[in-house]
Every structure is written in C-alpha cells, then in structure tokens.
Amino acid sequence: MGRRRRGASPVGITVRLERAVLIWFATFAVGLLLGLFVGFLLGRISAGNREEAAPPVPPARTVVVEEPVPAPEKTVPAPEKTVPVTTATATATASP
C-alpha cells in the first residue's frame, strides 16, 4: 500500500493558468473603464471653465516665398563711333 504522491497534475496547471488569464483580463477591463471614466470627468470639468482655459491655438499661417523679379537692365546706348571726315582732294588730270 503505497502512498499516492500529491503533486501538480497537468489538469491543475491548466486550471490555474486559465484563472490567471481571466484575472488579468478582468483587471485590464476594470482599469480601462476606470481610466475612461476619470478622463471623461476631467474633460467635463475643464470644458465648463472656459474663462481660465487656455485660448485656442490660431490656425497655422501659410507663407509663400516668391523669387524677386530682377530689375530690367538699363541699356545705355553705346556712343556711335564717328569716323573723322577727311576731306579728300582729288586731282584729276586729263590726258590727251
């Protein structure tokens, strides 16, 4: 008559694992609901006090940078080169 050894059976491990997972999910769900509720209440409190609330942020401004148009170049007419007028004296001789 041997004694039966009491140890962890595979069935007991799965039951404990399932219970741990269930407790974890329940804790997560309660924390999520509590966080949503507190956030809702804080939002209602701050929304009701508009005088002390920060002013709304103005919309962002769009800045357009344009390339400056170069000024038209002033063209100075080049002085005309004057050829000095030379007076040519031609002598014509007639030959008989």
PDB file of N, CA and C in Angstrom:
ATOM      1  N   MET A   1       0.826  -1.144   0.000  1.00  0.00           N
ATOM      2  CA  MET A   1       0.000   0.000   0.000  1.00  0.00           C
ATOM      3  C   MET A   1       0.893   1.237   0.000  1.00  0.00           C
ATOM      4  N   GLY A   2       1.047   1.652  -1.159  1.00  0.00           N
ATOM      5  CA  GLY A   2       1.881   2.830  -1.279  1.00  0.00           C
ATOM      6  C   GLY A   2       1.069   4.117  -1.173  1.00  0.00           C
ATOM      7  N   ARG A   3       1.750   5.053  -0.760  1.00  0.00           N
ATOM      8  CA  ARG A   3       1.063   6.338  -0.680  1.00  0.00           C
ATOM      9  C   ARG A   3       1.037   6.970  -2.064  1.00  0.00           C
ATOM     10  N   ARG A   4      -0.014   7.658  -2.270  1.00  0.00           N
ATOM     11  CA  ARG A   4      -0.156   8.355  -3.528  1.00  0.00           C
ATOM     12  C   ARG A   4       0.537   9.712  -3.418  1.00  0.00           C
ATOM     13  N   ARG A   5       1.309  10.004  -4.383  1.00  0.00           N
ATOM     14  CA  ARG A   5       2.057  11.249  -4.352  1.00  0.00           C
ATOM     15  C   ARG A   5       1.159  12.402  -4.793  1.00  0.00           C
ATOM     16  N   ARG A   6       1.102  13.436  -3.986  1.00  0.00           N
ATOM     17  CA  ARG A   6       0.284  14.584  -4.341  1.00  0.00           C
ATOM     18  C   ARG A   6       1.199  15.621  -4.972  1.00  0.00           C
ATOM     19  N   GLY A   7       0.989  15.858  -6.192  1.00  0.00           N
ATOM     20  CA  GLY A   7       1.803  16.854  -6.883  1.00  0.00           C
ATOM     21  C   GLY A   7       0.910  17.616  -7.855  1.00  0.00           C
ATOM     22  N   ALA A   8       1.523  18.380  -8.605  1.00  0.00           N
ATOM     23  CA  ALA A   8       0.776  19.171  -9.577  1.00  0.00           C
ATOM     24  C   ALA A   8       0.446  18.286 -10.761  1.00  0.00           C
ATOM     25  N   SER A   9      -0.814  18.169 -10.992  1.00  0.00           N
ATOM     26  CA  SER A   9      -1.241  17.383 -12.152  1.00  0.00           C
ATOM     27  C   SER A   9      -1.395  18.321 -13.338  1.00  0.00           C
ATOM     28  N   PRO A  10      -1.300  17.830 -14.566  1.00  0.00           N
ATOM     29  CA  PRO A  10      -1.443  18.686 -15.744  1.00  0.00           C
ATOM     30  C   PRO A  10      -2.798  19.393 -15.789  1.00  0.00           C
ATOM     31  N   VAL A  11      -3.824  18.751 -15.240  1.00  0.00           N
ATOM     32  CA  VAL A  11      -5.133  19.379 -15.245  1.00  0.00           C
ATOM     33  C   VAL A  11      -5.132  20.579 -14.300  1.00  0.00           C
ATOM     34  N   GLY A  12      -4.469  20.469 -13.194  1.00  0.00           N
ATOM     35  CA  GLY A  12      -4.407  21.567 -12.224  1.00  0.00           C
ATOM     36  C   GLY A  12      -3.656  22.773 -12.765  1.00  0.00           C
ATOM     37  N   ILE A  13      -2.626  22.521 -13.577  1.00  0.00           N
ATOM     38  CA  ILE A  13      -1.844  23.621 -14.142  1.00  0.00           C
ATOM     39  C   ILE A  13      -2.694  24.420 -15.118  1.00  0.00           C
ATOM     40  N   THR A  14      -3.455  23.754 -15.947  1.00  0.00           N
ATOM     41  CA  THR A  14      -4.266  24.480 -16.924  1.00  0.00           C
ATOM     42  C   THR A  14      -5.376  25.263 -16.234  1.00  0.00           C
ATOM     43  N   VAL A  15      -5.924  24.720 -15.147  1.00  0.00           N
ATOM     44  CA  VAL A  15      -6.967  25.444 -14.427  1.00  0.00           C
ATOM     45  C   VAL A  15      -6.382  26.705 -13.815  1.00  0.00           C
ATOM     46  N   ARG A  16      -5.184  26.611 -13.239  1.00  0.00           N
ATOM     47  CA  ARG A  16      -4.552  27.782 -12.642  1.00  0.00           C
ATOM     48  C   ARG A  16      -4.181  28.808 -13.709  1.00  0.00           C
ATOM     49  N   LEU A  17      -3.724  28.355 -14.879  1.00  0.00           N
ATOM     50  CA  LEU A  17      -3.361  29.260 -15.965  1.00  0.00           C
ATOM     51  C   LEU A  17      -4.595  29.982 -16.491  1.00  0.00           C
ATOM     52  N   GLU A  18      -5.666  29.247 -16.648  1.00  0.00           N
ATOM     53  CA  GLU A  18      -6.907  29.873 -17.123  1.00  0.00           C
ATOM     54  C   GLU A  18      -7.404  30.905 -16.123  1.00  0.00           C
ATOM     55  N   ARG A  19      -7.301  30.577 -14.842  1.00  0.00           N
ATOM     56  CA  ARG A  19      -7.756  31.516 -13.817  1.00  0.00           C
ATOM     57  C   ARG A  19      -6.870  32.771 -13.806  1.00  0.00           C
ATOM     58  N   ALA A  20      -5.580  32.608 -13.979  1.00  0.00           N
ATOM     59  CA  ALA A  20      -4.663  33.752 -14.005  1.00  0.00           C
ATOM     60  C   ALA A  20      -4.961  34.649 -15.212  1.00  0.00           C
ATOM     61  N   VAL A  21      -5.210  34.038 -16.365  1.00  0.00           N
ATOM     62  CA  VAL A  21      -5.532  34.822 -17.566  1.00  0.00           C
ATOM     63  C   VAL A  21      -6.852  35.558 -17.373  1.00  0.00           C
ATOM     64  N   LEU A  22      -7.820  34.909 -16.787  1.00  0.00           N
ATOM     65  CA  LEU A  22      -9.113  35.530 -16.526  1.00  0.00           C
ATOM     66  C   LEU A  22      -8.971  36.716 -15.564  1.00  0.00           C
ATOM     67  N   ILE A  23      -8.181  36.543 -14.526  1.00  0.00           N
ATOM     68  CA  ILE A  23      -7.958  37.638 -13.577  1.00  0.00           C
ATOM     69  C   ILE A  23      -7.242  38.797 -14.263  1.00  0.00           C
ATOM     70  N   TRP A  24      -6.271  38.490 -15.111  1.00  0.00           N
ATOM     71  CA  TRP A  24      -5.538  39.535 -15.818  1.00  0.00           C
ATOM     72  C   TRP A  24      -6.473  40.332 -16.728  1.00  0.00           C
ATOM     73  N   PHE A  25      -7.317  39.652 -17.511  1.00  0.00           N
ATOM     74  CA  PHE A  25      -8.257  40.345 -18.402  1.00  0.00           C
ATOM     75  C   PHE A  25      -9.275  41.163 -17.605  1.00  0.00           C
ATOM     76  N   ALA A  26      -9.747  40.651 -16.492  1.00  0.00           N
ATOM     77  CA  ALA A  26     -10.710  41.388 -15.674  1.00  0.00           C
ATOM     78  C   ALA A  26     -10.063  42.648 -15.105  1.00  0.00           C
ATOM     79  N   THR A  27      -8.823  42.543 -14.637  1.00  0.00           N
ATOM     80  CA  THR A  27      -8.110  43.704 -14.107  1.00  0.00           C
ATOM     81  C   THR A  27      -7.891  44.745 -15.201  1.00  0.00           C
ATOM     82  N   PHE A  28      -7.526  44.285 -16.384  1.00  0.00           N
ATOM     83  CA  PHE A  28      -7.318  45.188 -17.520  1.00  0.00           C
ATOM     84  C   PHE A  28      -8.612  45.915 -17.879  1.00  0.00           C
ATOM     85  N   ALA A  29      -9.722  45.190 -17.936  1.00  0.00           N
ATOM     86  CA  ALA A  29     -11.008  45.787 -18.303  1.00  0.00           C
ATOM     87  C   ALA A  29     -11.452  46.813 -17.259  1.00  0.00           C
ATOM     88  N   VAL A  30     -11.300  46.489 -15.995  1.00  0.00           N
ATOM     89  CA  VAL A  30     -11.696  47.426 -14.939  1.00  0.00           C
ATOM     90  C   VAL A  30     -10.826  48.680 -14.992  1.00  0.00           C
ATOM     91  N   GLY A  31      -9.538  48.523 -15.187  1.00  0.00           N
ATOM     92  CA  GLY A  31      -8.638  49.678 -15.282  1.00  0.00           C
ATOM     93  C   GLY A  31      -8.955  50.550 -16.481  1.00  0.00           C
ATOM     94  N   LEU A  32      -9.275  49.918 -17.602  1.00  0.00           N
ATOM     95  CA  LEU A  32      -9.619  50.677 -18.801  1.00  0.00           C
ATOM     96  C   LEU A  32     -10.901  51.475 -18.590  1.00  0.00           C
ATOM     97  N   LEU A  33     -11.907  50.846 -18.034  1.00  0.00           N
ATOM     98  CA  LEU A  33     -13.169  51.555 -17.785  1.00  0.00           C
ATOM     99  C   LEU A  33     -12.981  52.683 -16.774  1.00  0.00           C
ATOM    100  N   LEU A  34     -12.205  52.438 -15.741  1.00  0.00           N
ATOM    101  CA  LEU A  34     -11.960  53.470 -14.743  1.00  0.00           C
ATOM    102  C   LEU A  34     -11.190  54.647 -15.360  1.00  0.00           C
ATOM    103  N   GLY A  35     -10.209  54.366 -16.204  1.00  0.00           N
ATOM    104  CA  GLY A  35      -9.452  55.433 -16.872  1.00  0.00           C
ATOM    105  C   GLY A  35     -10.327  56.255 -17.801  1.00  0.00           C
ATOM    106  N   LEU A  36     -11.202  55.589 -18.541  1.00  0.00           N
ATOM    107  CA  LEU A  36     -12.118  56.318 -19.423  1.00  0.00           C
ATOM    108  C   LEU A  36     -13.064  57.203 -18.622  1.00  0.00           C
ATOM    109  N   PHE A  37     -13.556  56.700 -17.509  1.00  0.00           N
ATOM    110  CA  PHE A  37     -14.482  57.457 -16.671  1.00  0.00           C
ATOM    111  C   PHE A  37     -13.796  58.693 -16.077  1.00  0.00           C
ATOM    112  N   VAL A  38     -12.573  58.523 -15.564  1.00  0.00           N
ATOM    113  CA  VAL A  38     -11.835  59.649 -14.984  1.00  0.00           C
ATOM    114  C   VAL A  38     -11.498  60.668 -16.077  1.00  0.00           C
ATOM    115  N   GLY A  39     -11.111  60.198 -17.249  1.00  0.00           N
ATOM    116  CA  GLY A  39     -10.820  61.117 -18.352  1.00  0.00           C
ATOM    117  C   GLY A  39     -12.048  61.897 -18.777  1.00  0.00           C
ATOM    118  N   PHE A  40     -13.187  61.242 -18.808  1.00  0.00           N
ATOM    119  CA  PHE A  40     -14.437  61.915 -19.154  1.00  0.00           C
ATOM    120  C   PHE A  40     -14.763  63.000 -18.134  1.00  0.00           C
ATOM    121  N   LEU A  41     -14.613  62.674 -16.862  1.00  0.00           N
ATOM    122  CA  LEU A  41     -14.914  63.658 -15.822  1.00  0.00           C
ATOM    123  C   LEU A  41     -13.949  64.846 -15.886  1.00  0.00           C
ATOM    124  N   LEU A  42     -12.677  64.586 -16.120  1.00  0.00           N
ATOM    125  CA  LEU A  42     -11.716  65.684 -16.220  1.00  0.00           C
ATOM    126  C   LEU A  42     -12.004  66.556 -17.439  1.00  0.00           C
ATOM    127  N   GLY A  43     -12.432  65.949 -18.513  1.00  0.00           N
ATOM    128  CA  GLY A  43     -12.790  66.720 -19.700  1.00  0.00           C
ATOM    129  C   GLY A  43     -13.995  67.602 -19.458  1.00  0.00           C
ATOM    130  N   ARG A  44     -14.954  67.079 -18.724  1.00  0.00           N
ATOM    131  CA  ARG A  44     -16.156  67.874 -18.419  1.00  0.00           C
ATOM    132  C   ARG A  44     -15.808  69.037 -17.494  1.00  0.00           C
ATOM    133  N   ILE A  45     -14.927  68.788 -16.536  1.00  0.00           N
ATOM    134  CA  ILE A  45     -14.560  69.845 -15.597  1.00  0.00           C
ATOM    135  C   ILE A  45     -13.823  70.967 -16.321  1.00  0.00           C
ATOM    136  N   SER A  46     -12.873  70.622 -17.174  1.00  0.00           N
ATOM    137  CA  SER A  46     -12.089  71.653 -17.860  1.00  0.00           C
ATOM    138  C   SER A  46     -12.907  72.343 -18.945  1.00  0.00           C
ATOM    139  N   ALA A  47     -13.873  71.669 -19.541  1.00  0.00           N
ATOM    140  CA  ALA A  47     -14.690  72.290 -20.582  1.00  0.00           C
ATOM    141  C   ALA A  47     -15.664  73.297 -19.986  1.00  0.00           C
ATOM    142  N   GLY A  48     -16.084  73.100 -18.743  1.00  0.00           N
ATOM    143  CA  GLY A  48     -17.026  74.007 -18.115  1.00  0.00           C
ATOM    144  C   GLY A  48     -16.382  75.298 -17.649  1.00  0.00           C
ATOM    145  N   ASN A  49     -15.081  75.336 -17.530  1.00  0.00           N
ATOM    146  CA  ASN A  49     -14.368  76.501 -17.021  1.00  0.00           C
ATOM    147  C   ASN A  49     -13.633  77.164 -18.173  1.00  0.00           C
ATOM    148  N   ARG A  50     -14.348  77.844 -19.032  1.00  0.00           N
ATOM    149  CA  ARG A  50     -13.753  78.434 -20.230  1.00  0.00           C
ATOM    150  C   ARG A  50     -12.935  79.693 -19.926  1.00  0.00           C
ATOM    151  N   GLU A  51     -13.244  80.388 -18.830  1.00  0.00           N
ATOM    152  CA  GLU A  51     -12.544  81.630 -18.546  1.00  0.00           C
ATOM    153  C   GLU A  51     -11.072  81.389 -18.237  1.00  0.00           C
ATOM    154  N   GLU A  52     -10.779  80.317 -17.532  1.00  0.00           N
ATOM    155  CA  GLU A  52      -9.403  80.041 -17.148  1.00  0.00           C
ATOM    156  C   GLU A  52      -8.704  79.095 -18.120  1.00  0.00           C
ATOM    157  N   ALA A  53      -9.428  78.628 -19.083  1.00  0.00           N
ATOM    158  CA  ALA A  53      -8.824  77.700 -20.038  1.00  0.00           C
ATOM    159  C   ALA A  53      -7.895  78.473 -20.979  1.00  0.00           C
ATOM    160  N   ALA A  54      -6.940  77.780 -21.512  1.00  0.00           N
ATOM    161  CA  ALA A  54      -6.006  78.404 -22.449  1.00  0.00           C
ATOM    162  C   ALA A  54      -6.749  78.777 -23.727  1.00  0.00           C
ATOM    163  N   PRO A  55      -6.374  79.876 -24.354  1.00  0.00           N
ATOM    164  CA  PRO A  55      -7.048  80.255 -25.593  1.00  0.00           C
ATOM    165  C   PRO A  55      -6.763  79.231 -26.687  1.00  0.00           C
ATOM    166  N   PRO A  56      -7.683  79.085 -27.618  1.00  0.00           N
ATOM    167  CA  PRO A  56      -7.446  78.112 -28.687  1.00  0.00           C
ATOM    168  C   PRO A  56      -6.261  78.537 -29.551  1.00  0.00           C
ATOM    169  N   VAL A  57      -5.616  77.587 -30.107  1.00  0.00           N
ATOM    170  CA  VAL A  57      -4.442  77.844 -30.928  1.00  0.00           C
ATOM    171  C   VAL A  57      -4.903  78.394 -32.278  1.00  0.00           C
ATOM    172  N   PRO A  58      -4.335  79.510 -32.732  1.00  0.00           N
ATOM    173  CA  PRO A  58      -4.735  80.036 -34.039  1.00  0.00           C
ATOM    174  C   PRO A  58      -4.269  79.095 -35.144  1.00  0.00           C
ATOM    175  N   PRO A  59      -4.942  79.127 -36.271  1.00  0.00           N
ATOM    176  CA  PRO A  59      -4.529  78.228 -37.348  1.00  0.00           C
ATOM    177  C   PRO A  59      -3.137  78.600 -37.874  1.00  0.00           C
ATOM    178  N   ALA A  60      -2.474  77.620 -38.376  1.00  0.00           N
ATOM    179  CA  ALA A  60      -1.129  77.858 -38.897  1.00  0.00           C
ATOM    180  C   ALA A  60      -1.210  78.744 -40.127  1.00  0.00           C
ATOM    181  N   ARG A  61      -0.245  79.626 -40.256  1.00  0.00           N
ATOM    182  CA  ARG A  61      -0.240  80.537 -41.397  1.00  0.00           C
ATOM    183  C   ARG A  61       0.647  79.972 -42.487  1.00  0.00           C
ATOM    184  N   THR A  62       0.186  80.173 -43.699  1.00  0.00           N
ATOM    185  CA  THR A  62       0.950  79.710 -44.847  1.00  0.00           C
ATOM    186  C   THR A  62       1.742  80.885 -45.403  1.00  0.00           C
ATOM    187  N   VAL A  63       3.009  80.691 -45.581  1.00  0.00           N
ATOM    188  CA  VAL A  63       3.865  81.744 -46.110  1.00  0.00           C
ATOM    189  C   VAL A  63       4.343  81.308 -47.480  1.00  0.00           C
ATOM    190  N   VAL A  64       4.145  82.183 -48.456  1.00  0.00           N
ATOM    191  CA  VAL A  64       4.585  81.893 -49.816  1.00  0.00           C
ATOM    192  C   VAL A  64       5.780  82.787 -50.109  1.00  0.00           C
ATOM    193  N   VAL A  65       6.878  82.195 -50.455  1.00  0.00           N
ATOM    194  CA  VAL A  65       8.082  82.952 -50.784  1.00  0.00           C
ATOM    195  C   VAL A  65       8.212  82.969 -52.292  1.00  0.00           C
ATOM    196  N   GLU A  66       8.196  84.173 -52.839  1.00  0.00           N
ATOM    197  CA  GLU A  66       8.325  84.296 -54.289  1.00  0.00           C
ATOM    198  C   GLU A  66       9.717  84.802 -54.620  1.00  0.00           C
ATOM    199  N   GLU A  67      10.209  84.342 -55.745  1.00  0.00           N
ATOM    200  CA  GLU A  67      11.509  84.800 -56.216  1.00  0.00           C
ATOM    201  C   GLU A  67      11.362  86.249 -56.691  1.00  0.00           C
ATOM    202  N   PRO A  68      12.237  87.128 -56.260  1.00  0.00           N
ATOM    203  CA  PRO A  68      12.122  88.507 -56.745  1.00  0.00           C
ATOM    204  C   PRO A  68      12.462  88.573 -58.235  1.00  0.00           C
ATOM    205  N   VAL A  69      11.711  89.382 -58.941  1.00  0.00           N
ATOM    206  CA  VAL A  69      11.949  89.547 -60.370  1.00  0.00           C
ATOM    207  C   VAL A  69      13.104  90.514 -60.528  1.00  0.00           C
ATOM    208  N   PRO A  70      14.114  90.119 -61.300  1.00  0.00           N
ATOM    209  CA  PRO A  70      15.246  91.036 -61.456  1.00  0.00           C
ATOM    210  C   PRO A  70      14.802  92.296 -62.195  1.00  0.00           C
ATOM    211  N   ALA A  71      15.362  93.417 -61.766  1.00  0.00           N
ATOM    212  CA  ALA A  71      15.025  94.692 -62.393  1.00  0.00           C
ATOM    213  C   ALA A  71      15.538  94.685 -63.825  1.00  0.00           C
ATOM    214  N   PRO A  72      14.774  95.294 -64.720  1.00  0.00           N
ATOM    215  CA  PRO A  72      15.261  95.325 -66.114  1.00  0.00           C
ATOM    216  C   PRO A  72      16.543  96.132 -66.192  1.00  0.00           C
ATOM    217  N   GLU A  73      17.445  95.604 -66.952  1.00  0.00           N
ATOM    218  CA  GLU A  73      18.739  96.277 -67.073  1.00  0.00           C
ATOM    219  C   GLU A  73      18.579  97.523 -67.939  1.00  0.00           C
ATOM    220  N   LYS A  74      19.148  98.572 -67.437  1.00  0.00           N
ATOM    221  CA  LYS A  74      19.084  99.816 -68.207  1.00  0.00           C
ATOM    222  C   LYS A  74      20.193  99.759 -69.253  1.00  0.00           C
ATOM    223  N   THR A  75      19.767  99.806 -70.484  1.00  0.00           N
ATOM    224  CA  THR A  75      20.756  99.759 -71.549  1.00  0.00           C
ATOM    225  C   THR A  75      21.089 101.187 -71.962  1.00  0.00           C
ATOM    226  N   VAL A  76      22.310 101.475 -71.861  1.00  0.00           N
ATOM    227  CA  VAL A  76      22.780 102.796 -72.270  1.00  0.00           C
ATOM    228  C   VAL A  76      23.274 102.640 -73.696  1.00  0.00           C
ATOM    229  N   PRO A  77      22.696 103.406 -74.584  1.00  0.00           N
ATOM    230  CA  PRO A  77      23.163 103.246 -75.974  1.00  0.00           C
ATOM    231  C   PRO A  77      24.653 103.596 -76.084  1.00  0.00           C
ATOM    232  N   ALA A  78      25.332 102.726 -76.753  1.00  0.00           N
ATOM    233  CA  ALA A  78      26.764 102.934 -76.907  1.00  0.00           C
ATOM    234  C   ALA A  78      26.981 104.131 -77.832  1.00  0.00           C
ATOM    235  N   PRO A  79      27.906 104.925 -77.486  1.00  0.00           N
ATOM    236  CA  PRO A  79      28.152 106.086 -78.374  1.00  0.00           C
ATOM    237  C   PRO A  79      28.605 105.596 -79.742  1.00  0.00           C
ATOM    238  N   GLU A  80      28.023 106.207 -80.732  1.00  0.00           N
ATOM    239  CA  GLU A  80      28.381 105.801 -82.093  1.00  0.00           C
ATOM    240  C   GLU A  80      29.792 106.273 -82.387  1.00  0.00           C
ATOM    241  N   LYS A  81      30.495 105.381 -83.000  1.00  0.00           N
ATOM    242  CA  LYS A  81      31.861 105.758 -83.355  1.00  0.00           C
ATOM    243  C   LYS A  81      31.777 106.616 -84.613  1.00  0.00           C
ATOM    244  N   THR A  82      32.272 107.762 -84.498  1.00  0.00           N
ATOM    245  CA  THR A  82      32.244 108.647 -85.656  1.00  0.00           C
ATOM    246  C   THR A  82      33.590 108.580 -86.345  1.00  0.00           C
ATOM    247  N   VAL A  83      33.485 108.362 -87.573  1.00  0.00           N
ATOM    248  CA  VAL A  83      34.708 108.316 -88.368  1.00  0.00           C
ATOM    249  C   VAL A  83      35.030 109.757 -88.743  1.00  0.00           C
ATOM    250  N   PRO A  84      36.197 110.170 -88.414  1.00  0.00           N
ATOM    251  CA  PRO A  84      36.508 111.553 -88.767  1.00  0.00           C
ATOM    252  C   PRO A  84      36.430 111.734 -90.283  1.00  0.00           C
ATOM    253  N   VAL A  85      35.736 112.719 -90.593  1.00  0.00           N
ATOM    254  CA  VAL A  85      35.542 113.008 -92.014  1.00  0.00           C
ATOM    255  C   VAL A  85      36.820 113.666 -92.518  1.00  0.00           C
ATOM    256  N   THR A  86      37.372 113.013 -93.465  1.00  0.00           N
ATOM    257  CA  THR A  86      38.565 113.614 -94.081  1.00  0.00           C
ATOM    258  C   THR A  86      38.177 114.128 -95.437  1.00  0.00           C
ATOM    259  N   THR A  87      38.668 115.182 -95.687  1.00  0.00           N
ATOM    260  CA  THR A  87      38.376 115.758 -97.000  1.00  0.00           C
ATOM    261  C   THR A  87      39.458 115.305 -97.948  1.00  0.00           C
ATOM    262  N   ALA A  88      39.007 114.649 -98.886  1.00  0.00           N
ATOM    263  CA  ALA A  88      39.964 114.176 -99.871  1.00  0.00           C
ATOM    264  C   ALA A  88      39.951 115.131-101.052  1.00  0.00           C
ATOM    265  N   THR A  89      41.079 115.446-101.420  1.00  0.00           N
ATOM    266  CA  THR A  89      41.182 116.311-102.595  1.00  0.00           C
ATOM    267  C   THR A  89      41.682 115.452-103.736  1.00  0.00           C
ATOM    268  N   ALA A  90      40.910 115.416-104.643  1.00  0.00           N
ATOM    269  CA  ALA A  90      41.291 114.620-105.799  1.00  0.00           C
ATOM    270  C   ALA A  90      41.674 115.541-106.944  1.00  0.00           C
ATOM    271  N   THR A  91      42.690 115.188-107.474  1.00  0.00           N
ATOM    272  CA  THR A  91      43.109 115.945-108.646  1.00  0.00           C
ATOM    273  C   THR A  91      43.039 115.068-109.832  1.00  0.00           C
ATOM    274  N   ALA A  92      42.386 115.514-110.695  1.00  0.00           N
ATOM    275  CA  ALA A  92      42.225 114.725-111.900  1.00  0.00           C
ATOM    276  C   ALA A  92      43.027 115.387-113.022  1.00  0.00           C
ATOM    277  N   THR A  93      43.701 114.606-113.669  1.00  0.00           N
ATOM    278  CA  THR A  93      44.444 115.120-114.822  1.00  0.00           C
ATOM    279  C   THR A  93      43.917 114.442-116.053  1.00  0.00           C
ATOM    280  N   ALA A  94      43.741 115.212-116.981  1.00  0.00           N
ATOM    281  CA  ALA A  94      43.202 114.650-118.211  1.00  0.00           C
ATOM    282  C   ALA A  94      44.384 114.431-119.177  1.00  0.00           C
ATOM    283  N   SER A  95      44.355 113.389-119.731  1.00  0.00           N
ATOM    284  CA  SER A  95      45.424 113.103-120.681  1.00  0.00           C
ATOM    285  C   SER A  95      44.861 113.134-122.103  1.00  0.00           C
ATOM    286  N   PRO A  96      45.567 113.800-123.032  1.00  0.00           N
ATOM    287  CA  PRO A  96      45.067 113.929-124.400  1.00  0.00           C
ATOM    288  C   PRO A  96      45.256 112.710-125.209  1.00  0.00           C
TER     289      PRO A  96
END
